[in-house]
N, C-alpha and C. Protein backbone atom coordinates (compact mmCIF):
# COMPACT_ATOMS: atom_id res chain seq x y z
N MET A 1 -52.45 -2.51 5.97
CA MET A 1 -51.77 -3.40 6.88
C MET A 1 -50.39 -3.74 6.31
N ARG A 2 -49.40 -3.64 7.14
CA ARG A 2 -48.03 -3.91 6.70
C ARG A 2 -47.65 -5.33 7.11
N PHE A 3 -47.01 -6.02 6.20
CA PHE A 3 -46.61 -7.40 6.47
C PHE A 3 -45.14 -7.51 6.84
N MET A 4 -44.42 -6.42 6.76
CA MET A 4 -43.01 -6.45 7.14
C MET A 4 -42.87 -6.23 8.63
N THR A 5 -42.07 -7.07 9.24
CA THR A 5 -41.81 -6.91 10.67
C THR A 5 -40.75 -5.84 10.88
N ASP A 6 -40.62 -5.41 12.11
CA ASP A 6 -39.59 -4.42 12.42
C ASP A 6 -38.20 -4.96 12.11
N ARG A 7 -38.00 -6.24 12.37
CA ARG A 7 -36.69 -6.85 12.10
C ARG A 7 -36.39 -6.82 10.60
N LYS A 8 -37.36 -7.15 9.78
CA LYS A 8 -37.15 -7.16 8.33
C LYS A 8 -36.81 -5.76 7.83
N ARG A 9 -37.50 -4.74 8.34
CA ARG A 9 -37.19 -3.36 7.94
C ARG A 9 -35.80 -2.96 8.41
N ALA A 10 -35.40 -3.40 9.60
CA ALA A 10 -34.10 -3.02 10.15
C ALA A 10 -32.94 -3.69 9.42
N GLN A 11 -33.17 -4.92 8.96
CA GLN A 11 -32.09 -5.62 8.26
C GLN A 11 -31.80 -4.99 6.91
N GLY A 12 -32.79 -4.42 6.26
CA GLY A 12 -32.58 -3.73 5.00
C GLY A 12 -32.10 -4.62 3.87
N LEU A 13 -32.63 -5.83 3.81
CA LEU A 13 -32.17 -6.75 2.78
C LEU A 13 -32.72 -6.42 1.40
N GLY A 14 -33.76 -5.66 1.32
CA GLY A 14 -34.28 -5.27 0.02
C GLY A 14 -34.99 -6.39 -0.70
N ALA A 15 -35.36 -6.16 -1.94
CA ALA A 15 -36.15 -7.10 -2.72
C ALA A 15 -35.36 -8.36 -3.09
N SER A 16 -34.08 -8.23 -3.29
CA SER A 16 -33.30 -9.37 -3.73
C SER A 16 -32.91 -10.29 -2.59
N GLY A 17 -32.94 -9.79 -1.36
CA GLY A 17 -32.56 -10.60 -0.22
C GLY A 17 -31.06 -10.62 0.02
N HIS A 18 -30.29 -9.92 -0.79
CA HIS A 18 -28.84 -9.92 -0.64
C HIS A 18 -28.32 -8.71 0.11
N GLY A 19 -29.14 -7.68 0.22
CA GLY A 19 -28.73 -6.51 0.95
C GLY A 19 -27.52 -5.83 0.33
N THR A 20 -26.53 -5.58 1.13
CA THR A 20 -25.35 -4.83 0.67
C THR A 20 -24.14 -5.74 0.42
N HIS A 21 -24.41 -7.01 0.14
CA HIS A 21 -23.30 -7.96 -0.06
C HIS A 21 -22.36 -7.51 -1.18
N HIS A 22 -22.92 -7.12 -2.31
CA HIS A 22 -22.07 -6.72 -3.44
C HIS A 22 -21.24 -5.49 -3.09
N HIS A 23 -21.87 -4.53 -2.44
CA HIS A 23 -21.15 -3.32 -2.05
C HIS A 23 -19.97 -3.66 -1.13
N TRP A 24 -20.19 -4.49 -0.14
CA TRP A 24 -19.13 -4.85 0.79
C TRP A 24 -18.04 -5.66 0.10
N GLN A 25 -18.42 -6.54 -0.82
CA GLN A 25 -17.41 -7.31 -1.55
C GLN A 25 -16.52 -6.38 -2.36
N MET A 26 -17.12 -5.42 -3.03
CA MET A 26 -16.33 -4.47 -3.82
C MET A 26 -15.48 -3.58 -2.91
N PHE A 27 -16.02 -3.19 -1.77
CA PHE A 27 -15.27 -2.36 -0.83
C PHE A 27 -14.05 -3.10 -0.29
N VAL A 28 -14.25 -4.35 0.11
CA VAL A 28 -13.15 -5.14 0.68
C VAL A 28 -12.08 -5.42 -0.37
N THR A 29 -12.49 -5.79 -1.58
CA THR A 29 -11.49 -6.06 -2.61
C THR A 29 -10.77 -4.77 -3.02
N SER A 30 -11.47 -3.64 -2.99
CA SER A 30 -10.81 -2.37 -3.30
C SER A 30 -9.74 -2.03 -2.27
N VAL A 31 -10.08 -2.20 -1.00
CA VAL A 31 -9.11 -1.92 0.06
C VAL A 31 -7.92 -2.87 -0.03
N LEU A 32 -8.20 -4.14 -0.28
CA LEU A 32 -7.10 -5.11 -0.43
C LEU A 32 -6.21 -4.75 -1.62
N LEU A 33 -6.82 -4.33 -2.72
CA LEU A 33 -6.01 -3.96 -3.89
C LEU A 33 -5.19 -2.70 -3.64
N CYS A 34 -5.74 -1.78 -2.84
CA CYS A 34 -4.95 -0.58 -2.49
C CYS A 34 -3.69 -0.94 -1.73
N ALA A 35 -3.76 -1.99 -0.93
CA ALA A 35 -2.57 -2.43 -0.20
C ALA A 35 -1.69 -3.35 -1.05
N LEU A 36 -2.31 -4.22 -1.84
CA LEU A 36 -1.55 -5.22 -2.58
C LEU A 36 -0.83 -4.67 -3.81
N LEU A 37 -1.45 -3.74 -4.52
CA LEU A 37 -0.84 -3.28 -5.78
C LEU A 37 0.51 -2.61 -5.61
N PRO A 38 0.71 -1.71 -4.65
CA PRO A 38 2.07 -1.16 -4.49
C PRO A 38 3.10 -2.23 -4.11
N ILE A 39 2.70 -3.16 -3.26
CA ILE A 39 3.61 -4.25 -2.89
C ILE A 39 3.92 -5.11 -4.10
N PHE A 40 2.88 -5.41 -4.91
CA PHE A 40 3.08 -6.23 -6.10
C PHE A 40 4.00 -5.52 -7.10
N ILE A 41 3.77 -4.24 -7.32
CA ILE A 41 4.60 -3.49 -8.27
C ILE A 41 6.06 -3.49 -7.81
N PHE A 42 6.27 -3.30 -6.52
CA PHE A 42 7.63 -3.30 -5.98
C PHE A 42 8.29 -4.68 -6.14
N THR A 43 7.57 -5.75 -5.77
CA THR A 43 8.16 -7.09 -5.88
C THR A 43 8.34 -7.50 -7.33
N PHE A 44 7.42 -7.10 -8.20
CA PHE A 44 7.56 -7.44 -9.62
C PHE A 44 8.75 -6.71 -10.24
N ALA A 45 8.95 -5.46 -9.83
CA ALA A 45 10.07 -4.67 -10.37
C ALA A 45 11.41 -5.28 -9.97
N ILE A 46 11.49 -5.86 -8.79
CA ILE A 46 12.75 -6.49 -8.36
C ILE A 46 13.07 -7.70 -9.24
N GLY A 47 12.06 -8.49 -9.55
CA GLY A 47 12.30 -9.69 -10.36
C GLY A 47 12.34 -9.45 -11.85
N PHE A 48 11.96 -8.26 -12.29
CA PHE A 48 11.88 -7.95 -13.72
C PHE A 48 13.27 -7.72 -14.30
N GLY A 49 13.49 -8.25 -15.49
CA GLY A 49 14.73 -7.98 -16.20
C GLY A 49 15.85 -8.96 -15.94
N GLY A 50 15.64 -9.92 -15.08
CA GLY A 50 16.68 -10.90 -14.81
C GLY A 50 16.66 -12.02 -15.83
N THR A 51 17.63 -12.88 -15.73
CA THR A 51 17.65 -14.04 -16.60
C THR A 51 16.55 -15.01 -16.15
N TYR A 52 16.31 -16.02 -16.95
CA TYR A 52 15.27 -17.00 -16.64
C TYR A 52 15.56 -17.68 -15.31
N GLU A 53 16.79 -18.03 -15.07
CA GLU A 53 17.16 -18.70 -13.83
C GLU A 53 16.98 -17.79 -12.62
N GLU A 54 17.31 -16.51 -12.78
CA GLU A 54 17.12 -15.55 -11.69
C GLU A 54 15.65 -15.35 -11.35
N VAL A 55 14.82 -15.30 -12.39
CA VAL A 55 13.38 -15.15 -12.15
C VAL A 55 12.82 -16.39 -11.48
N LEU A 56 13.27 -17.57 -11.91
CA LEU A 56 12.84 -18.81 -11.25
C LEU A 56 13.24 -18.82 -9.78
N ALA A 57 14.45 -18.42 -9.51
CA ALA A 57 14.92 -18.38 -8.12
C ALA A 57 14.15 -17.34 -7.31
N TYR A 58 13.84 -16.21 -7.93
CA TYR A 58 13.12 -15.15 -7.22
C TYR A 58 11.70 -15.58 -6.85
N TYR A 59 10.98 -16.17 -7.81
CA TYR A 59 9.60 -16.59 -7.54
C TYR A 59 9.53 -17.92 -6.79
N SER A 60 10.64 -18.56 -6.57
CA SER A 60 10.66 -19.74 -5.70
C SER A 60 10.60 -19.35 -4.24
N ARG A 61 10.90 -18.09 -3.95
CA ARG A 61 10.77 -17.60 -2.58
C ARG A 61 9.29 -17.36 -2.28
N PRO A 62 8.88 -17.56 -1.03
CA PRO A 62 7.44 -17.48 -0.74
C PRO A 62 6.83 -16.09 -0.86
N PHE A 63 7.53 -15.03 -0.44
CA PHE A 63 6.91 -13.71 -0.42
C PHE A 63 6.49 -13.22 -1.81
N PRO A 64 7.36 -13.24 -2.82
CA PRO A 64 6.91 -12.77 -4.14
C PRO A 64 5.80 -13.64 -4.73
N ALA A 65 5.88 -14.95 -4.49
CA ALA A 65 4.85 -15.84 -5.04
C ALA A 65 3.50 -15.60 -4.37
N ILE A 66 3.48 -15.40 -3.06
CA ILE A 66 2.22 -15.17 -2.35
C ILE A 66 1.63 -13.82 -2.73
N VAL A 67 2.46 -12.78 -2.81
CA VAL A 67 1.97 -11.46 -3.19
C VAL A 67 1.39 -11.50 -4.61
N THR A 68 2.07 -12.17 -5.52
CA THR A 68 1.58 -12.27 -6.89
C THR A 68 0.27 -13.04 -6.95
N ALA A 69 0.17 -14.14 -6.24
CA ALA A 69 -1.07 -14.93 -6.23
C ALA A 69 -2.22 -14.15 -5.63
N LEU A 70 -1.99 -13.48 -4.51
CA LEU A 70 -3.06 -12.69 -3.88
C LEU A 70 -3.52 -11.56 -4.79
N THR A 71 -2.59 -10.87 -5.42
CA THR A 71 -2.95 -9.78 -6.31
C THR A 71 -3.75 -10.30 -7.50
N LEU A 72 -3.35 -11.42 -8.05
CA LEU A 72 -4.05 -12.01 -9.18
C LEU A 72 -5.48 -12.38 -8.79
N VAL A 73 -5.65 -13.09 -7.70
CA VAL A 73 -6.98 -13.56 -7.30
C VAL A 73 -7.88 -12.39 -6.90
N VAL A 74 -7.39 -11.50 -6.05
CA VAL A 74 -8.22 -10.38 -5.59
C VAL A 74 -8.55 -9.45 -6.76
N GLY A 75 -7.60 -9.20 -7.63
CA GLY A 75 -7.85 -8.33 -8.77
C GLY A 75 -8.89 -8.89 -9.72
N LEU A 76 -8.82 -10.18 -9.99
CA LEU A 76 -9.79 -10.76 -10.91
C LEU A 76 -11.16 -10.93 -10.27
N ILE A 77 -11.22 -11.18 -8.97
CA ILE A 77 -12.52 -11.22 -8.30
C ILE A 77 -13.16 -9.83 -8.32
N HIS A 78 -12.35 -8.80 -8.13
CA HIS A 78 -12.86 -7.43 -8.21
C HIS A 78 -13.34 -7.12 -9.63
N LEU A 79 -12.58 -7.51 -10.62
CA LEU A 79 -12.98 -7.33 -12.01
C LEU A 79 -14.30 -8.04 -12.29
N LEU A 80 -14.45 -9.25 -11.78
CA LEU A 80 -15.68 -10.01 -11.98
C LEU A 80 -16.88 -9.29 -11.37
N GLY A 81 -16.71 -8.76 -10.17
CA GLY A 81 -17.81 -8.04 -9.54
C GLY A 81 -18.20 -6.78 -10.29
N GLU A 82 -17.22 -6.04 -10.75
CA GLU A 82 -17.51 -4.81 -11.50
C GLU A 82 -18.12 -5.13 -12.86
N ALA A 83 -17.62 -6.15 -13.53
CA ALA A 83 -18.17 -6.53 -14.84
C ALA A 83 -19.60 -7.04 -14.68
N THR A 84 -19.86 -7.80 -13.63
CA THR A 84 -21.20 -8.30 -13.37
C THR A 84 -22.17 -7.14 -13.15
N GLU A 85 -21.75 -6.16 -12.39
CA GLU A 85 -22.60 -4.99 -12.14
C GLU A 85 -22.89 -4.24 -13.43
N ALA A 86 -21.91 -4.05 -14.27
CA ALA A 86 -22.11 -3.34 -15.54
C ALA A 86 -23.03 -4.14 -16.46
N ILE A 87 -22.85 -5.45 -16.51
CA ILE A 87 -23.69 -6.29 -17.37
C ILE A 87 -25.13 -6.25 -16.88
N GLU A 88 -25.34 -6.35 -15.58
CA GLU A 88 -26.70 -6.32 -15.04
C GLU A 88 -27.37 -4.98 -15.29
N ASP A 89 -26.60 -3.89 -15.34
CA ASP A 89 -27.16 -2.57 -15.56
C ASP A 89 -27.49 -2.30 -17.03
N TYR A 90 -26.70 -2.81 -17.95
CA TYR A 90 -26.81 -2.37 -19.34
C TYR A 90 -27.23 -3.42 -20.34
N ILE A 91 -27.32 -4.68 -19.96
CA ILE A 91 -27.70 -5.73 -20.89
C ILE A 91 -28.93 -6.43 -20.33
N GLY A 92 -29.87 -6.76 -21.19
CA GLY A 92 -31.08 -7.42 -20.72
C GLY A 92 -31.36 -8.71 -21.46
N GLY A 93 -32.30 -9.46 -20.94
CA GLY A 93 -32.78 -10.68 -21.59
C GLY A 93 -31.78 -11.81 -21.58
N ARG A 94 -31.85 -12.61 -22.63
CA ARG A 94 -31.00 -13.78 -22.76
C ARG A 94 -29.52 -13.40 -22.91
N ALA A 95 -29.28 -12.26 -23.54
CA ALA A 95 -27.90 -11.80 -23.72
C ALA A 95 -27.24 -11.55 -22.37
N ARG A 96 -28.01 -11.07 -21.38
CA ARG A 96 -27.46 -10.85 -20.04
C ARG A 96 -26.95 -12.16 -19.45
N HIS A 97 -27.76 -13.19 -19.53
CA HIS A 97 -27.37 -14.47 -18.95
C HIS A 97 -26.15 -15.07 -19.64
N LEU A 98 -26.14 -14.99 -20.96
CA LEU A 98 -25.00 -15.53 -21.71
C LEU A 98 -23.73 -14.74 -21.43
N THR A 99 -23.85 -13.42 -21.33
CA THR A 99 -22.69 -12.59 -21.05
C THR A 99 -22.17 -12.84 -19.64
N LEU A 100 -23.08 -12.99 -18.67
CA LEU A 100 -22.65 -13.29 -17.31
C LEU A 100 -21.92 -14.63 -17.23
N ILE A 101 -22.42 -15.63 -17.94
CA ILE A 101 -21.76 -16.93 -17.98
C ILE A 101 -20.37 -16.80 -18.60
N ALA A 102 -20.28 -16.04 -19.70
CA ALA A 102 -18.99 -15.88 -20.38
C ALA A 102 -17.99 -15.13 -19.49
N VAL A 103 -18.42 -14.07 -18.82
CA VAL A 103 -17.52 -13.30 -17.97
C VAL A 103 -17.07 -14.11 -16.77
N ASN A 104 -18.00 -14.86 -16.15
CA ASN A 104 -17.62 -15.73 -15.04
C ASN A 104 -16.61 -16.77 -15.49
N GLY A 105 -16.88 -17.40 -16.62
CA GLY A 105 -15.95 -18.40 -17.14
C GLY A 105 -14.58 -17.81 -17.44
N LEU A 106 -14.56 -16.63 -18.04
CA LEU A 106 -13.30 -15.98 -18.37
C LEU A 106 -12.50 -15.64 -17.12
N CYS A 107 -13.15 -15.04 -16.12
CA CYS A 107 -12.43 -14.64 -14.91
C CYS A 107 -11.88 -15.85 -14.16
N TYR A 108 -12.70 -16.89 -14.00
CA TYR A 108 -12.21 -18.05 -13.28
C TYR A 108 -11.15 -18.81 -14.07
N THR A 109 -11.25 -18.79 -15.40
CA THR A 109 -10.20 -19.40 -16.23
C THR A 109 -8.89 -18.63 -16.09
N LEU A 110 -8.97 -17.30 -16.06
CA LEU A 110 -7.76 -16.49 -15.88
C LEU A 110 -7.13 -16.72 -14.51
N ILE A 111 -7.97 -16.87 -13.48
CA ILE A 111 -7.44 -17.16 -12.15
C ILE A 111 -6.72 -18.51 -12.16
N ALA A 112 -7.37 -19.52 -12.73
CA ALA A 112 -6.77 -20.86 -12.75
C ALA A 112 -5.48 -20.87 -13.57
N ALA A 113 -5.49 -20.23 -14.73
CA ALA A 113 -4.30 -20.21 -15.59
C ALA A 113 -3.17 -19.43 -14.93
N GLY A 114 -3.49 -18.31 -14.30
CA GLY A 114 -2.47 -17.51 -13.63
C GLY A 114 -1.85 -18.24 -12.45
N LEU A 115 -2.68 -18.89 -11.65
CA LEU A 115 -2.14 -19.65 -10.52
C LEU A 115 -1.34 -20.85 -10.98
N PHE A 116 -1.79 -21.50 -12.05
CA PHE A 116 -1.04 -22.63 -12.60
C PHE A 116 0.33 -22.16 -13.09
N ALA A 117 0.37 -21.04 -13.80
CA ALA A 117 1.64 -20.52 -14.30
C ALA A 117 2.56 -20.12 -13.15
N LEU A 118 1.99 -19.54 -12.12
CA LEU A 118 2.79 -19.14 -10.96
C LEU A 118 3.36 -20.36 -10.22
N VAL A 119 2.54 -21.40 -10.09
CA VAL A 119 3.02 -22.62 -9.43
C VAL A 119 4.11 -23.28 -10.27
N LYS A 120 3.91 -23.31 -11.60
CA LYS A 120 4.96 -23.87 -12.46
C LYS A 120 6.25 -23.07 -12.37
N LEU A 121 6.13 -21.76 -12.24
CA LEU A 121 7.30 -20.90 -12.12
C LEU A 121 7.96 -21.07 -10.76
N ALA A 122 7.16 -21.20 -9.71
CA ALA A 122 7.70 -21.24 -8.36
C ALA A 122 8.27 -22.61 -7.99
N LEU A 123 7.77 -23.66 -8.62
CA LEU A 123 8.27 -25.00 -8.23
C LEU A 123 9.29 -25.47 -9.18
């Protein structure tokens, strides 16, 4: 006797109940990075090499600041997802939990520090 309904089989959520959430998150951040990275490289190259005052004036404009912030956040969220997947695959036991906590803390600290530095630069 099967206890799974047709709806449960069709949803394909699997044992964890999360289904393909991680796959879609990685897919979306990958596509966003494919669009953001060339724009970021171009905008960063324009502001690179100027004096301190020129860089301050450049990042005070909204477009370079927004592109830099989006690239920073999306890139680090993508890094967090990939690092989490690698840790879950190759580390077990208590070390897995401690490593996941450390990687989460590191990624979110880098996001906060990067955005803080960008806001200080832009304002």
